[in-house]
Amino acid sequence: MTSRLWCALLSVGFGLICASCGGGTPEGPKVLIGATLFDASTGAAVERAVVIVERETFKAVGDQPTLPIPPGSEKIDLTGRFLIPTPVLIPREADPPQFKSQEQLRALLERGERVVKGTPVDSDKIDPALLERIKQNRVVVLPALVTFESEAHNLKRARSNAKTMYDAGVTLAVDGDHAAHREWKFLSEAGLSTEAIVQATTAHAAEAGALRDRGRIATGLRADLYVLKCDPRADVSCLVKVERAMVRGSWVAPPALGEN
C-alpha cells in the first residue's frame, strides 16, 4: 500500500472517529423568519421578525429585510405564528414578601424591599403618594391576583387596583409558574394589554428574580422562546396555545399550559 493511500485512509478514519465523538462540523445557526415577535423590553410587537439562534443563545434579532441571514443557516419559516420569550419562573429562594393592604405595603417599603407580592384590597383607591414611592424606589410588584380567586369582592378590587398600579407606571411582574395562565386571564380582565402581560411574565419576572440571562428575545441572552399558534392580542388565551418551544437553542416538547 502506498504511503499516499495509507494517509488518505487514516484521514478518513480519523474524521469518522471525530464525528462520532461530537467533534464534527458544529451545527449551523437556526434562523426563525416571518413570525410576529413580542418584544419584552419595550412591550411592543415586531412584525415579520428575524431571530438568529446560534448554539444556546440569540445571536441577532431584527426584522425583514434589514437583518442579513448568515450562509449555511437552517431557515425555519414561522409566517403566521407568534413568538414570545419563555415565561420566567422566579426562584423559590427569591419568593418576595406578601401584602394585602396599603399599610403592609408601606411597611415593606420602609424595610427596603425591592420586590413585593400582592395587591392592596383594603380600599378602592391607592394613595397616590404610595404609588409614587413605589416608582421612585423602582420596586417590582407581583399582583398575584390568583390569590383572590375564592374571594369575589376582593378579586374585583384587586383587579381594579392592579390596573391603577399599571397606569401609574409601577413595574408589574408575573411568576411564570403553573398558575401563570390564570394570572394572565385576571390581568386581561383588569384591562392590561397582551403586550403588557407578556412583558410582566418575561422581562419583569426576570428582573424580580435577578435572572439577567433570560426574559427577552435579545442578542446574547439564552435562546428560550415559545411559538404560539394564534395571535394573543386578539385572545389572551392564545398565550397557552404553544406550538413549539425552544430551550437553550434546542426544540423541545411544548409545555402543557392550561388548555393548550
C-alpha atoms as a PDB file:
ATOM      1  CA  MET A   1       0.000   0.000   0.000  1.00  0.00           C
ATOM      2  CA  THR A   2       1.422   3.363  -0.967  1.00  0.00           C
ATOM      3  CA  SER A   3       2.076   5.952   1.704  1.00  0.00           C
ATOM      4  CA  ARG A   4      -0.347   8.352  -0.044  1.00  0.00           C
ATOM      5  CA  LEU A   5      -3.238   5.819   0.103  1.00  0.00           C
ATOM      6  CA  TRP A   6      -2.449   4.955   3.719  1.00  0.00           C
ATOM      7  CA  CYS A   7      -2.582   8.630   4.690  1.00  0.00           C
ATOM      8  CA  ALA A   8      -5.901   9.053   2.906  1.00  0.00           C
ATOM      9  CA  LEU A   9      -7.441   6.065   4.708  1.00  0.00           C
ATOM     10  CA  LEU A  10      -6.071   7.273   8.020  1.00  0.00           C
ATOM     11  CA  SER A  11      -7.506  10.720   7.390  1.00  0.00           C
ATOM     12  CA  VAL A  12     -10.976   9.340   6.607  1.00  0.00           C
ATOM     13  CA  GLY A  13     -10.911   7.040   9.622  1.00  0.00           C
ATOM     14  CA  PHE A  14      -9.845   9.843  11.943  1.00  0.00           C
ATOM     15  CA  GLY A  15     -12.633  12.030  10.601  1.00  0.00           C
ATOM     16  CA  LEU A  16     -15.232   9.326  11.334  1.00  0.00           C
ATOM     17  CA  ILE A  17     -13.900   8.913  14.859  1.00  0.00           C
ATOM     18  CA  CYS A  18     -14.056  12.670  15.483  1.00  0.00           C
ATOM     19  CA  ALA A  19     -17.620  12.881  14.131  1.00  0.00           C
ATOM     20  CA  SER A  20     -18.766  10.011  16.342  1.00  0.00           C
ATOM     21  CA  CYS A  21     -17.310  11.796  19.359  1.00  0.00           C
ATOM     22  CA  GLY A  22     -19.179  15.014  18.615  1.00  0.00           C
ATOM     23  CA  GLY A  23     -16.173  16.724  17.099  1.00  0.00           C
ATOM     24  CA  GLY A  24     -17.641  17.167  13.623  1.00  0.00           C
ATOM     25  CA  THR A  25     -18.801  20.375  11.987  1.00  0.00           C
ATOM     26  CA  PRO A  26     -20.754  22.459  14.545  1.00  0.00           C
ATOM     27  CA  GLU A  27     -24.464  22.859  13.946  1.00  0.00           C
ATOM     28  CA  GLY A  28     -25.171  25.963  11.902  1.00  0.00           C
ATOM     29  CA  PRO A  29     -27.363  28.804  13.168  1.00  0.00           C
ATOM     30  CA  LYS A  30     -31.147  28.490  13.194  1.00  0.00           C
ATOM     31  CA  VAL A  31     -32.971  31.423  11.603  1.00  0.00           C
ATOM     32  CA  LEU A  32     -36.617  31.921  12.554  1.00  0.00           C
ATOM     33  CA  ILE A  33     -38.302  34.000   9.860  1.00  0.00           C
ATOM     34  CA  GLY A  34     -41.628  35.744   9.453  1.00  0.00           C
ATOM     35  CA  ALA A  35     -43.295  35.479  12.866  1.00  0.00           C
ATOM     36  CA  THR A  36     -44.642  38.369  14.941  1.00  0.00           C
ATOM     37  CA  LEU A  37     -42.292  38.873  17.883  1.00  0.00           C
ATOM     38  CA  PHE A  38     -43.422  40.314  21.220  1.00  0.00           C
ATOM     39  CA  ASP A  39     -40.530  42.478  22.396  1.00  0.00           C
ATOM     40  CA  ALA A  40     -40.486  42.136  26.188  1.00  0.00           C
ATOM     41  CA  SER A  41     -38.072  45.048  26.610  1.00  0.00           C
ATOM     42  CA  THR A  42     -40.473  47.607  25.136  1.00  0.00           C
ATOM     43  CA  GLY A  43     -43.841  45.850  25.275  1.00  0.00           C
ATOM     44  CA  ALA A  44     -44.253  46.333  21.512  1.00  0.00           C
ATOM     45  CA  ALA A  45     -44.697  43.794  18.707  1.00  0.00           C
ATOM     46  CA  VAL A  46     -42.264  43.365  15.812  1.00  0.00           C
ATOM     47  CA  GLU A  47     -43.886  42.169  12.598  1.00  0.00           C
ATOM     48  CA  ARG A  48     -42.018  39.851  10.178  1.00  0.00           C
ATOM     49  CA  ALA A  49     -39.259  39.250  12.695  1.00  0.00           C
ATOM     50  CA  VAL A  50     -35.940  37.521  12.092  1.00  0.00           C
ATOM     51  CA  VAL A  51     -34.379  35.706  15.040  1.00  0.00           C
ATOM     52  CA  ILE A  52     -30.957  34.077  14.646  1.00  0.00           C
ATOM     53  CA  VAL A  53     -30.096  31.371  17.184  1.00  0.00           C
ATOM     54  CA  GLU A  54     -26.551  30.063  17.486  1.00  0.00           C
ATOM     55  CA  ARG A  55     -25.933  27.215  19.897  1.00  0.00           C
ATOM     56  CA  GLU A  56     -27.622  28.225  23.183  1.00  0.00           C
ATOM     57  CA  THR A  57     -28.104  31.965  22.686  1.00  0.00           C
ATOM     58  CA  PHE A  58     -29.780  34.526  20.461  1.00  0.00           C
ATOM     59  CA  LYS A  59     -27.144  35.790  18.049  1.00  0.00           C
ATOM     60  CA  ALA A  60     -29.217  38.554  16.450  1.00  0.00           C
ATOM     61  CA  VAL A  61     -32.790  39.826  16.383  1.00  0.00           C
ATOM     62  CA  GLY A  62     -34.359  42.154  13.825  1.00  0.00           C
ATOM     63  CA  ASP A  63     -36.946  42.347  11.095  1.00  0.00           C
ATOM     64  CA  GLN A  64     -37.044  41.523   7.411  1.00  0.00           C
ATOM     65  CA  PRO A  65     -35.233  42.556   5.270  1.00  0.00           C
ATOM     66  CA  THR A  66     -32.833  44.600   7.419  1.00  0.00           C
ATOM     67  CA  LEU A  67     -31.143  41.678   9.184  1.00  0.00           C
ATOM     68  CA  PRO A  68     -28.774  39.653   6.938  1.00  0.00           C
ATOM     69  CA  ILE A  69     -29.085  35.878   7.196  1.00  0.00           C
ATOM     70  CA  PRO A  70     -25.769  34.002   7.644  1.00  0.00           C
ATOM     71  CA  PRO A  71     -24.880  31.499   4.912  1.00  0.00           C
ATOM     72  CA  GLY A  72     -25.404  27.875   5.833  1.00  0.00           C
ATOM     73  CA  SER A  73     -28.222  28.652   8.239  1.00  0.00           C
ATOM     74  CA  GLU A  74     -31.186  26.407   8.897  1.00  0.00           C
ATOM     75  CA  LYS A  75     -34.128  28.601   7.862  1.00  0.00           C
ATOM     76  CA  ILE A  76     -37.421  27.994   9.653  1.00  0.00           C
ATOM     77  CA  ASP A  77     -40.454  29.774   8.220  1.00  0.00           C
ATOM     78  CA  LEU A  78     -42.821  30.801  11.025  1.00  0.00           C
ATOM     79  CA  THR A  79     -45.050  33.119   8.998  1.00  0.00           C
ATOM     80  CA  GLY A  80     -48.434  33.403  10.684  1.00  0.00           C
ATOM     81  CA  ARG A  81     -47.011  32.422  14.076  1.00  0.00           C
ATOM     82  CA  PHE A  82     -46.185  34.490  17.148  1.00  0.00           C
ATOM     83  CA  LEU A  83     -43.038  34.463  19.289  1.00  0.00           C
ATOM     84  CA  ILE A  84     -42.763  35.283  22.984  1.00  0.00           C
ATOM     85  CA  PRO A  85     -39.870  34.792  25.386  1.00  0.00           C
ATOM     86  CA  THR A  86     -40.374  31.779  27.634  1.00  0.00           C
ATOM     87  CA  PRO A  87     -42.225  32.816  30.823  1.00  0.00           C
ATOM     88  CA  VAL A  88     -39.693  33.202  33.631  1.00  0.00           C
ATOM     89  CA  LEU A  89     -40.033  31.094  36.754  1.00  0.00           C
ATOM     90  CA  ILE A  90     -38.921  33.124  39.762  1.00  0.00           C
ATOM     91  CA  PRO A  91     -36.660  31.017  42.025  1.00  0.00           C
ATOM     92  CA  ARG A  92     -38.318  29.904  45.266  1.00  0.00           C
ATOM     93  CA  GLU A  93     -35.476  31.388  47.289  1.00  0.00           C
ATOM     94  CA  ALA A  94     -36.355  34.762  45.728  1.00  0.00           C
ATOM     95  CA  ASP A  95     -40.051  34.463  46.665  1.00  0.00           C
ATOM     96  CA  PRO A  96     -40.963  38.039  47.683  1.00  0.00           C
ATOM     97  CA  PRO A  97     -42.774  39.102  50.877  1.00  0.00           C
ATOM     98  CA  GLN A  98     -46.565  39.404  50.581  1.00  0.00           C
ATOM     99  CA  PHE A  99     -49.086  42.103  51.422  1.00  0.00           C
ATOM    100  CA  LYS A 100     -52.831  42.743  51.114  1.00  0.00           C
ATOM    101  CA  SER A 101     -53.157  46.281  52.465  1.00  0.00           C
ATOM    102  CA  GLN A 102     -51.517  49.628  51.816  1.00  0.00           C
ATOM    103  CA  GLU A 103     -50.261  49.683  55.406  1.00  0.00           C
ATOM    104  CA  GLN A 104     -48.491  46.354  54.900  1.00  0.00           C
ATOM    105  CA  LEU A 105     -47.046  47.610  51.616  1.00  0.00           C
ATOM    106  CA  ARG A 106     -45.714  50.770  53.292  1.00  0.00           C
ATOM    107  CA  ALA A 107     -44.033  48.614  55.954  1.00  0.00           C
ATOM    108  CA  LEU A 108     -42.308  46.563  53.244  1.00  0.00           C
ATOM    109  CA  LEU A 109     -41.082  49.726  51.542  1.00  0.00           C
ATOM    110  CA  GLU A 110     -39.776  51.011  54.865  1.00  0.00           C
ATOM    111  CA  ARG A 111     -37.872  47.755  55.169  1.00  0.00           C
ATOM    112  CA  GLY A 112     -36.212  48.412  51.824  1.00  0.00           C
ATOM    113  CA  GLU A 113     -37.854  45.568  49.884  1.00  0.00           C
ATOM    114  CA  ARG A 114     -37.368  45.859  46.119  1.00  0.00           C
ATOM    115  CA  VAL A 115     -39.716  43.039  45.068  1.00  0.00           C
ATOM    116  CA  VAL A 116     -43.106  42.518  46.733  1.00  0.00           C
ATOM    117  CA  LYS A 117     -46.110  40.295  46.108  1.00  0.00           C
ATOM    118  CA  GLY A 118     -49.755  41.301  46.398  1.00  0.00           C
ATOM    119  CA  THR A 119     -52.331  43.951  45.610  1.00  0.00           C
ATOM    120  CA  PRO A 120     -53.910  46.219  48.238  1.00  0.00           C
ATOM    121  CA  VAL A 121     -57.581  45.343  48.776  1.00  0.00           C
ATOM    122  CA  ASP A 122     -58.233  47.497  51.832  1.00  0.00           C
ATOM    123  CA  SER A 123     -59.613  50.337  49.686  1.00  0.00           C
ATOM    124  CA  ASP A 124     -60.991  51.043  46.223  1.00  0.00           C
ATOM    125  CA  LYS A 125     -58.250  53.635  45.755  1.00  0.00           C
ATOM    126  CA  ILE A 126     -54.496  53.566  46.264  1.00  0.00           C
ATOM    127  CA  ASP A 127     -52.784  56.557  47.862  1.00  0.00           C
ATOM    128  CA  PRO A 128     -51.043  58.469  45.012  1.00  0.00           C
ATOM    129  CA  ALA A 129     -48.089  59.184  47.315  1.00  0.00           C
ATOM    130  CA  LEU A 130     -47.665  55.444  47.850  1.00  0.00           C
ATOM    131  CA  LEU A 131     -47.720  54.809  44.108  1.00  0.00           C
ATOM    132  CA  GLU A 132     -45.093  57.491  43.599  1.00  0.00           C
ATOM    133  CA  ARG A 133     -42.878  55.968  46.268  1.00  0.00           C
ATOM    134  CA  ILE A 134     -43.100  52.526  44.633  1.00  0.00           C
ATOM    135  CA  LYS A 135     -41.964  54.052  41.338  1.00  0.00           C
ATOM    136  CA  GLN A 136     -39.178  56.140  42.844  1.00  0.00           C
ATOM    137  CA  ASN A 137     -37.810  53.117  44.707  1.00  0.00           C
ATOM    138  CA  ARG A 138     -38.022  51.040  41.492  1.00  0.00           C
ATOM    139  CA  VAL A 139     -39.993  48.334  43.312  1.00  0.00           C
ATOM    140  CA  VAL A 140     -41.314  45.401  41.269  1.00  0.00           C
ATOM    141  CA  VAL A 141     -44.822  44.276  42.251  1.00  0.00           C
ATOM    142  CA  LEU A 142     -46.283  40.823  41.581  1.00  0.00           C
ATOM    143  CA  PRO A 143     -50.067  41.484  41.778  1.00  0.00           C
ATOM    144  CA  ALA A 144     -50.803  37.783  42.486  1.00  0.00           C
ATOM    145  CA  LEU A 145     -54.480  38.160  41.579  1.00  0.00           C
ATOM    146  CA  VAL A 146     -54.837  34.361  41.682  1.00  0.00           C
ATOM    147  CA  THR A 147     -54.634  34.536  45.487  1.00  0.00           C
ATOM    148  CA  PHE A 148     -58.061  36.214  45.453  1.00  0.00           C
ATOM    149  CA  GLU A 149     -59.784  33.607  43.266  1.00  0.00           C
ATOM    150  CA  SER A 150     -62.048  32.429  46.072  1.00  0.00           C
ATOM    151  CA  GLU A 151     -62.800  35.979  47.286  1.00  0.00           C
ATOM    152  CA  ALA A 152     -65.111  37.516  44.671  1.00  0.00           C
ATOM    153  CA  HIS A 153     -65.289  41.003  46.251  1.00  0.00           C
ATOM    154  CA  ASN A 154     -61.543  41.203  46.860  1.00  0.00           C
ATOM    155  CA  LEU A 155     -60.771  39.865  43.373  1.00  0.00           C
ATOM    156  CA  LYS A 156     -62.804  42.662  41.797  1.00  0.00           C
ATOM    157  CA  ARG A 157     -60.996  45.261  43.904  1.00  0.00           C
ATOM    158  CA  ALA A 158     -57.604  43.645  43.279  1.00  0.00           C
ATOM    159  CA  ARG A 159     -58.125  43.719  39.502  1.00  0.00           C
ATOM    160  CA  SER A 160     -59.034  47.411  39.639  1.00  0.00           C
ATOM    161  CA  ASN A 161     -56.083  48.299  41.879  1.00  0.00           C
ATOM    162  CA  ALA A 162     -53.651  46.282  39.751  1.00  0.00           C
ATOM    163  CA  LYS A 163     -54.729  48.363  36.756  1.00  0.00           C
ATOM    164  CA  THR A 164     -54.280  51.522  38.853  1.00  0.00           C
ATOM    165  CA  MET A 165     -50.702  50.497  39.648  1.00  0.00           C
ATOM    166  CA  TYR A 166     -50.003  49.714  35.999  1.00  0.00           C
ATOM    167  CA  ASP A 167     -51.465  53.030  34.799  1.00  0.00           C
ATOM    168  CA  ALA A 168     -49.327  54.854  37.378  1.00  0.00           C
ATOM    169  CA  GLY A 169     -46.171  53.338  35.881  1.00  0.00           C
ATOM    170  CA  VAL A 170     -45.469  50.700  38.546  1.00  0.00           C
ATOM    171  CA  THR A 171     -43.456  47.732  37.227  1.00  0.00           C
ATOM    172  CA  LEU A 172     -45.693  44.663  37.432  1.00  0.00           C
ATOM    173  CA  ALA A 173     -44.375  41.105  37.187  1.00  0.00           C
ATOM    174  CA  VAL A 174     -45.949  37.660  36.896  1.00  0.00           C
ATOM    175  CA  ASP A 175     -44.266  34.467  38.063  1.00  0.00           C
ATOM    176  CA  GLY A 176     -44.139  32.026  35.148  1.00  0.00           C
ATOM    177  CA  ASP A 177     -45.245  29.074  37.278  1.00  0.00           C
ATOM    178  CA  HIS A 178     -48.173  26.647  36.904  1.00  0.00           C
ATOM    179  CA  ALA A 179     -50.682  29.380  37.817  1.00  0.00           C
ATOM    180  CA  ALA A 180     -49.442  31.914  35.254  1.00  0.00           C
ATOM    181  CA  HIS A 181     -52.248  31.250  32.759  1.00  0.00           C
ATOM    182  CA  ARG A 182     -54.861  32.104  35.420  1.00  0.00           C
ATOM    183  CA  GLU A 183     -52.995  35.291  36.344  1.00  0.00           C
ATOM    184  CA  TRP A 184     -52.935  36.290  32.645  1.00  0.00           C
ATOM    185  CA  LYS A 185     -56.723  35.941  32.496  1.00  0.00           C
ATOM    186  CA  PHE A 186     -57.258  38.161  35.537  1.00  0.00           C
ATOM    187  CA  LEU A 187     -54.815  40.814  34.316  1.00  0.00           C
ATOM    188  CA  SER A 188     -56.511  40.828  30.916  1.00  0.00           C
ATOM    189  CA  GLU A 189     -59.877  41.292  32.645  1.00  0.00           C
ATOM    190  CA  ALA A 190     -58.300  44.163  34.601  1.00  0.00           C
ATOM    191  CA  GLY A 191     -57.536  45.915  31.315  1.00  0.00           C
ATOM    192  CA  LEU A 192     -53.849  45.160  30.703  1.00  0.00           C
ATOM    193  CA  SER A 193     -52.856  44.549  27.098  1.00  0.00           C
ATOM    194  CA  THR A 194     -51.358  41.255  25.976  1.00  0.00           C
ATOM    195  CA  GLU A 195     -48.059  43.034  25.338  1.00  0.00           C
ATOM    196  CA  ALA A 196     -48.013  44.269  28.955  1.00  0.00           C
ATOM    197  CA  ILE A 197     -48.843  40.783  30.259  1.00  0.00           C
ATOM    198  CA  VAL A 198     -46.042  39.205  28.212  1.00  0.00           C
ATOM    199  CA  GLN A 199     -43.626  41.851  29.442  1.00  0.00           C
ATOM    200  CA  ALA A 200     -44.688  41.221  33.058  1.00  0.00           C
ATOM    201  CA  THR A 201     -44.185  37.449  32.713  1.00  0.00           C
ATOM    202  CA  THR A 202     -40.816  37.631  30.983  1.00  0.00           C
ATOM    203  CA  ALA A 203     -38.564  40.690  31.302  1.00  0.00           C
ATOM    204  CA  HIS A 204     -40.126  41.922  34.549  1.00  0.00           C
ATOM    205  CA  ALA A 205     -40.203  38.437  36.093  1.00  0.00           C
ATOM    206  CA  ALA A 206     -36.510  38.059  35.225  1.00  0.00           C
ATOM    207  CA  GLU A 207     -35.859  41.380  36.959  1.00  0.00           C
ATOM    208  CA  ALA A 208     -37.803  40.236  40.016  1.00  0.00           C
ATOM    209  CA  GLY A 209     -35.790  37.015  40.173  1.00  0.00           C
ATOM    210  CA  ALA A 210     -32.434  38.721  39.441  1.00  0.00           C
ATOM    211  CA  LEU A 211     -32.062  36.493  36.345  1.00  0.00           C
ATOM    212  CA  ARG A 212     -30.089  38.557  33.843  1.00  0.00           C
ATOM    213  CA  ASP A 213     -29.616  35.883  31.178  1.00  0.00           C
ATOM    214  CA  ARG A 214     -33.260  35.426  30.139  1.00  0.00           C
ATOM    215  CA  GLY A 215     -36.689  37.048  29.833  1.00  0.00           C
ATOM    216  CA  ARG A 216     -36.189  38.687  26.427  1.00  0.00           C
ATOM    217  CA  ILE A 217     -35.540  37.609  22.855  1.00  0.00           C
ATOM    218  CA  ALA A 218     -32.387  39.698  22.565  1.00  0.00           C
ATOM    219  CA  THR A 219     -28.795  39.300  21.404  1.00  0.00           C
ATOM    220  CA  GLY A 220     -26.615  37.390  23.870  1.00  0.00           C
ATOM    221  CA  LEU A 221     -29.413  36.027  26.058  1.00  0.00           C
ATOM    222  CA  ARG A 222     -30.458  32.404  26.462  1.00  0.00           C
ATOM    223  CA  ALA A 223     -32.397  31.161  23.430  1.00  0.00           C
ATOM    224  CA  ASP A 224     -35.639  30.294  25.225  1.00  0.00           C
ATOM    225  CA  LEU A 225     -38.929  31.015  23.430  1.00  0.00           C
ATOM    226  CA  TYR A 226     -42.450  29.850  22.652  1.00  0.00           C
ATOM    227  CA  VAL A 227     -44.030  29.701  19.198  1.00  0.00           C
ATOM    228  CA  LEU A 228     -47.744  30.420  19.575  1.00  0.00           C
ATOM    229  CA  LYS A 229     -50.447  29.088  17.268  1.00  0.00           C
ATOM    230  CA  CYS A 230     -52.615  32.224  17.315  1.00  0.00           C
ATOM    231  CA  ASP A 231     -52.423  35.965  17.992  1.00  0.00           C
ATOM    232  CA  PRO A 232     -52.629  36.636  21.749  1.00  0.00           C
ATOM    233  CA  ARG A 233     -53.537  40.263  21.056  1.00  0.00           C
ATOM    234  CA  ALA A 234     -56.904  39.033  19.801  1.00  0.00           C
ATOM    235  CA  ASP A 235     -57.362  36.496  22.604  1.00  0.00           C
ATOM    236  CA  VAL A 236     -55.139  36.270  25.687  1.00  0.00           C
ATOM    237  CA  SER A 237     -55.840  32.519  25.879  1.00  0.00           C
ATOM    238  CA  CYS A 238     -53.516  32.165  22.855  1.00  0.00           C
ATOM    239  CA  LEU A 239     -50.629  32.542  25.314  1.00  0.00           C
ATOM    240  CA  VAL A 240     -51.215  28.916  26.339  1.00  0.00           C
ATOM    241  CA  LYS A 241     -51.519  27.599  22.778  1.00  0.00           C
ATOM    242  CA  VAL A 242     -47.843  26.740  22.336  1.00  0.00           C
ATOM    243  CA  GLU A 243     -46.977  25.018  19.065  1.00  0.00           C
ATOM    244  CA  ARG A 244     -43.209  24.765  19.582  1.00  0.00           C
ATOM    245  CA  ALA A 245     -40.855  25.524  22.441  1.00  0.00           C
ATOM    246  CA  MET A 246     -37.137  26.232  22.425  1.00  0.00           C
ATOM    247  CA  VAL A 247     -34.840  25.843  25.431  1.00  0.00           C
ATOM    248  CA  ARG A 248     -31.207  26.942  25.155  1.00  0.00           C
ATOM    249  CA  GLY A 249     -31.411  26.881  21.370  1.00  0.00           C
ATOM    250  CA  SER A 250     -32.915  23.388  21.016  1.00  0.00           C
ATOM    251  CA  TRP A 251     -36.507  22.479  20.170  1.00  0.00           C
ATOM    252  CA  VAL A 252     -38.291  20.600  22.973  1.00  0.00           C
ATOM    253  CA  ALA A 253     -41.800  19.271  23.558  1.00  0.00           C
ATOM    254  CA  PRO A 254     -44.306  22.125  24.091  1.00  0.00           C
ATOM    255  CA  PRO A 255     -45.379  22.602  27.717  1.00  0.00           C
ATOM    256  CA  ALA A 256     -48.906  21.880  28.917  1.00  0.00           C
ATOM    257  CA  LEU A 257     -50.279  25.285  29.904  1.00  0.00           C
ATOM    258  CA  GLY A 258     -53.925  25.427  30.872  1.00  0.00           C
ATOM    259  CA  GLU A 259     -55.903  24.088  27.930  1.00  0.00           C
ATOM    260  CA  ASN A 260     -53.034  24.054  25.426  1.00  0.00           C
END
